N, C-alpha and C. Protein backbone atom coordinates (compact mmCIF):
# COMPACT_ATOMS: atom_id res chain seq x y z
N MET A 1 66.07 184.14 -119.92
CA MET A 1 65.34 185.35 -120.12
C MET A 1 64.06 185.28 -119.28
N ALA A 2 63.79 186.31 -118.56
CA ALA A 2 62.59 186.37 -117.72
C ALA A 2 61.37 186.59 -118.60
N LYS A 3 60.29 185.92 -118.20
CA LYS A 3 59.03 186.09 -118.92
C LYS A 3 58.02 186.72 -117.98
N THR A 4 57.10 187.43 -118.54
CA THR A 4 56.07 188.09 -117.76
C THR A 4 54.74 187.43 -118.08
N ILE A 5 53.99 187.12 -117.03
CA ILE A 5 52.64 186.62 -117.22
C ILE A 5 51.68 187.60 -116.56
N THR A 6 50.48 187.61 -117.04
CA THR A 6 49.47 188.51 -116.48
C THR A 6 48.41 187.66 -115.79
N LEU A 7 48.15 187.96 -114.53
CA LEU A 7 47.09 187.30 -113.80
C LEU A 7 45.87 188.20 -113.80
N ARG A 8 44.75 187.63 -114.13
CA ARG A 8 43.51 188.39 -114.09
C ARG A 8 42.77 187.98 -112.82
N LEU A 9 42.60 188.93 -111.92
CA LEU A 9 41.94 188.68 -110.65
C LEU A 9 40.68 189.51 -110.54
N SER A 10 39.67 188.91 -109.93
CA SER A 10 38.48 189.71 -109.63
C SER A 10 38.87 190.73 -108.56
N ASP A 11 38.03 191.69 -108.32
CA ASP A 11 38.32 192.69 -107.29
C ASP A 11 38.49 192.02 -105.93
N ASP A 12 37.64 191.04 -105.63
CA ASP A 12 37.74 190.34 -104.34
C ASP A 12 39.06 189.57 -104.23
N GLN A 13 39.46 188.89 -105.31
CA GLN A 13 40.72 188.15 -105.31
C GLN A 13 41.90 189.10 -105.17
N TYR A 14 41.83 190.22 -105.88
CA TYR A 14 42.90 191.22 -105.80
C TYR A 14 43.06 191.73 -104.37
N ASP A 15 41.94 192.05 -103.74
CA ASP A 15 41.99 192.55 -102.37
C ASP A 15 42.55 191.50 -101.41
N LEU A 16 42.20 190.23 -101.64
CA LEU A 16 42.70 189.16 -100.80
C LEU A 16 44.22 188.99 -100.95
N VAL A 17 44.69 188.96 -102.20
CA VAL A 17 46.13 188.84 -102.45
C VAL A 17 46.87 190.04 -101.86
N LYS A 18 46.31 191.21 -102.04
CA LYS A 18 46.93 192.43 -101.50
C LYS A 18 47.04 192.35 -99.99
N ARG A 19 45.98 191.87 -99.33
CA ARG A 19 45.99 191.75 -97.87
C ARG A 19 47.05 190.74 -97.41
N TYR A 20 47.10 189.57 -98.08
CA TYR A 20 48.11 188.57 -97.71
C TYR A 20 49.52 189.12 -97.89
N ALA A 21 49.75 189.81 -99.00
CA ALA A 21 51.07 190.38 -99.27
C ALA A 21 51.43 191.42 -98.22
N GLU A 22 50.49 192.27 -97.88
CA GLU A 22 50.75 193.29 -96.85
C GLU A 22 51.01 192.65 -95.50
N ASP A 23 50.26 191.59 -95.17
CA ASP A 23 50.49 190.89 -93.91
C ASP A 23 51.90 190.31 -93.84
N ASP A 24 52.41 189.87 -94.99
CA ASP A 24 53.77 189.32 -95.05
C ASP A 24 54.81 190.40 -95.33
N ARG A 25 54.38 191.65 -95.41
CA ARG A 25 55.25 192.79 -95.69
C ARG A 25 56.05 192.59 -96.98
N GLN A 26 55.33 192.20 -98.01
CA GLN A 26 55.93 191.99 -99.33
C GLN A 26 55.10 192.73 -100.37
N SER A 27 55.71 192.94 -101.51
CA SER A 27 54.93 193.45 -102.62
C SER A 27 54.03 192.33 -103.11
N MET A 28 52.98 192.69 -103.80
CA MET A 28 52.09 191.66 -104.34
C MET A 28 52.84 190.75 -105.30
N ASN A 29 53.71 191.34 -106.12
CA ASN A 29 54.48 190.53 -107.06
C ASN A 29 55.37 189.53 -106.33
N ALA A 30 56.05 189.97 -105.28
CA ALA A 30 56.93 189.07 -104.53
C ALA A 30 56.14 187.98 -103.84
N TRP A 31 54.96 188.33 -103.32
CA TRP A 31 54.14 187.35 -102.62
C TRP A 31 53.65 186.28 -103.59
N ILE A 32 53.18 186.70 -104.77
CA ILE A 32 52.72 185.74 -105.78
C ILE A 32 53.88 184.89 -106.27
N GLU A 33 55.06 185.51 -106.47
CA GLU A 33 56.23 184.76 -106.92
C GLU A 33 56.61 183.68 -105.91
N SER A 34 56.54 184.00 -104.62
CA SER A 34 56.87 183.00 -103.61
C SER A 34 55.84 181.87 -103.62
N LEU A 35 54.59 182.19 -103.88
CA LEU A 35 53.55 181.18 -103.97
C LEU A 35 53.82 180.24 -105.15
N VAL A 36 54.20 180.82 -106.28
CA VAL A 36 54.53 180.02 -107.46
C VAL A 36 55.77 179.16 -107.18
N ASP A 37 56.76 179.70 -106.49
CA ASP A 37 57.95 178.93 -106.14
C ASP A 37 57.60 177.72 -105.28
N VAL A 38 56.70 177.91 -104.33
CA VAL A 38 56.27 176.80 -103.46
C VAL A 38 55.58 175.73 -104.29
N GLU A 39 54.71 176.14 -105.20
CA GLU A 39 54.01 175.18 -106.06
C GLU A 39 55.00 174.45 -106.96
N ASP A 40 55.98 175.16 -107.48
CA ASP A 40 57.01 174.53 -108.31
C ASP A 40 57.78 173.48 -107.51
N MET A 41 58.15 173.80 -106.28
CA MET A 41 58.87 172.85 -105.44
C MET A 41 58.00 171.63 -105.13
N ARG A 42 56.71 171.86 -104.86
CA ARG A 42 55.81 170.75 -104.59
C ARG A 42 55.75 169.81 -105.78
N ARG A 43 55.63 170.36 -106.97
CA ARG A 43 55.57 169.53 -108.18
C ARG A 43 56.88 168.80 -108.43
N ARG A 44 58.00 169.47 -108.20
CA ARG A 44 59.30 168.81 -108.40
C ARG A 44 59.48 167.66 -107.42
N CYS A 45 59.08 167.87 -106.17
CA CYS A 45 59.18 166.81 -105.16
C CYS A 45 58.28 165.63 -105.50
N ALA A 46 57.09 165.92 -105.99
CA ALA A 46 56.18 164.84 -106.39
C ALA A 46 56.77 164.04 -107.55
N ALA A 47 57.34 164.74 -108.53
CA ALA A 47 57.96 164.06 -109.66
C ALA A 47 59.16 163.23 -109.21
N HIS A 48 59.94 163.77 -108.29
CA HIS A 48 61.09 163.04 -107.76
C HIS A 48 60.63 161.79 -107.01
N GLY A 49 59.56 161.91 -106.23
CA GLY A 49 59.02 160.75 -105.52
C GLY A 49 58.54 159.68 -106.47
N GLN A 50 57.90 160.08 -107.56
CA GLN A 50 57.46 159.12 -108.57
C GLN A 50 58.66 158.43 -109.21
N TRP A 51 59.69 159.21 -109.53
CA TRP A 51 60.89 158.63 -110.13
C TRP A 51 61.52 157.62 -109.17
N MET A 52 61.60 158.00 -107.91
CA MET A 52 62.21 157.10 -106.93
C MET A 52 61.42 155.79 -106.80
N SER A 53 60.09 155.88 -106.84
CA SER A 53 59.30 154.66 -106.72
C SER A 53 59.46 153.75 -107.94
N LYS A 54 59.82 154.32 -109.08
CA LYS A 54 60.03 153.53 -110.30
C LYS A 54 61.47 153.05 -110.45
N ASN A 55 62.38 153.53 -109.60
CA ASN A 55 63.80 153.18 -109.71
C ASN A 55 64.37 152.77 -108.35
N PRO A 56 63.85 151.69 -107.76
CA PRO A 56 64.32 151.30 -106.42
C PRO A 56 65.80 150.93 -106.39
N GLY A 57 66.34 150.44 -107.49
CA GLY A 57 67.76 150.10 -107.53
C GLY A 57 68.64 151.33 -107.37
N ALA A 58 68.26 152.40 -108.03
CA ALA A 58 69.03 153.65 -107.92
C ALA A 58 68.92 154.21 -106.51
N VAL A 59 67.74 154.10 -105.90
CA VAL A 59 67.55 154.58 -104.54
C VAL A 59 68.42 153.79 -103.57
N SER A 60 68.42 152.48 -103.73
CA SER A 60 69.25 151.62 -102.86
C SER A 60 70.72 151.96 -103.01
N PHE A 61 71.18 152.15 -104.24
CA PHE A 61 72.57 152.52 -104.48
C PHE A 61 72.91 153.84 -103.80
N ALA A 62 72.02 154.84 -103.95
CA ALA A 62 72.26 156.15 -103.35
C ALA A 62 72.31 156.07 -101.83
N GLU A 63 71.43 155.26 -101.24
CA GLU A 63 71.43 155.11 -99.79
C GLU A 63 72.73 154.47 -99.30
N THR A 64 73.18 153.44 -100.00
CA THR A 64 74.45 152.78 -99.64
C THR A 64 75.61 153.76 -99.77
N TRP A 65 75.63 154.50 -100.86
CA TRP A 65 76.70 155.48 -101.10
C TRP A 65 76.70 156.54 -99.99
N ALA A 66 75.52 157.02 -99.61
CA ALA A 66 75.43 158.03 -98.56
C ALA A 66 75.92 157.49 -97.23
N GLU A 67 75.55 156.26 -96.91
CA GLU A 67 76.01 155.64 -95.65
C GLU A 67 77.53 155.53 -95.63
N GLN A 68 78.13 155.13 -96.75
CA GLN A 68 79.60 155.05 -96.82
C GLN A 68 80.23 156.41 -96.62
N ASN A 69 79.64 157.44 -97.22
CA ASN A 69 80.18 158.79 -97.05
C ASN A 69 80.08 159.25 -95.60
N LEU A 70 78.96 158.95 -94.95
CA LEU A 70 78.80 159.33 -93.54
C LEU A 70 79.80 158.60 -92.66
N GLU A 71 80.03 157.33 -92.95
CA GLU A 71 80.98 156.56 -92.16
C GLU A 71 82.42 157.06 -92.35
N ALA A 72 82.70 157.66 -93.51
CA ALA A 72 84.04 158.16 -93.79
C ALA A 72 84.32 159.50 -93.13
N LEU A 73 83.30 160.17 -92.63
CA LEU A 73 83.50 161.46 -91.97
C LEU A 73 84.21 161.27 -90.63
N PRO A 74 85.10 162.19 -90.29
CA PRO A 74 85.76 162.08 -88.99
C PRO A 74 84.75 162.30 -87.87
N ARG A 75 84.90 161.55 -86.83
CA ARG A 75 83.99 161.67 -85.67
C ARG A 75 84.54 162.74 -84.73
N PRO A 76 83.65 163.57 -84.16
CA PRO A 76 84.12 164.61 -83.25
C PRO A 76 84.59 164.05 -81.92
């Protein structure tokens, strides 16, 4: 289920967001949503990096598995 949040922006912030959205030819909502998506991806990548640093055995296994899969591909 989609949730709605309300952002409270000063007039200056509103004008700045509006200008950025117009420059990207997007609605303000779409522009803010894409910004939130980028931040979400950044946080997920950071969490994944932390997990990988705490689980070197799993990383090594995945690398070996990937190399085997690449070697099994037919060569052009």
